[in-house]
Amino acid sequence: MNTARLVPYTLAAIGLGSAANALNLHLWAYGEPAAGLFPFLASLLLIGASLASTRERTPDAEPVEITRLLAYGFALGAFCFLLEVIGFAPSTFLFLAGVFVLVERMDWKRSLLLAATFAVSTWALFEALLSVPLPHGEWSF
């Protein structure tokens, strides 16, 4: 069996764990979205995309880039750690900028612009517009 065929199932399992964890944060409270809604919806998206990709046929000769996969795993671990320390928007910016530049080898100017746009717009949507509390971290100001 090709190890590349295991990746979608692994991601689906991670999505299931994330969805279960998001349920502990509550999805809805006091007539408005709670802290667990965004992670729960993101987990469902991960599960759906992972399982949908299992329908695609992968060539037997397709190599698995273990170093790239490990880099993504390290970046996600760092993101989870930084989320508690510096909060949602800065950790999202650092995660995306790091992945774009170091893993995907994207131009650094474009990477910083995309990462900043996504981090600020996501924060504005959930924290400011929808009043969904996002992690502020220990260093929040």
Foldseek 3Di string as FASTA:
>chain_A
DAVVLCVLVVQLVVLVVQLVVLVVQPQDDPHAGEQSVVSNVVSVVSNVVSVVCNPDDDDNPDDDDVVLVVVLVVLVVQLVVVCQAANQLVSQLVSQLCCVCPRVVHPNVVSNVVSNVVSVVVCCVVCPVRVYDTRRHPPHD
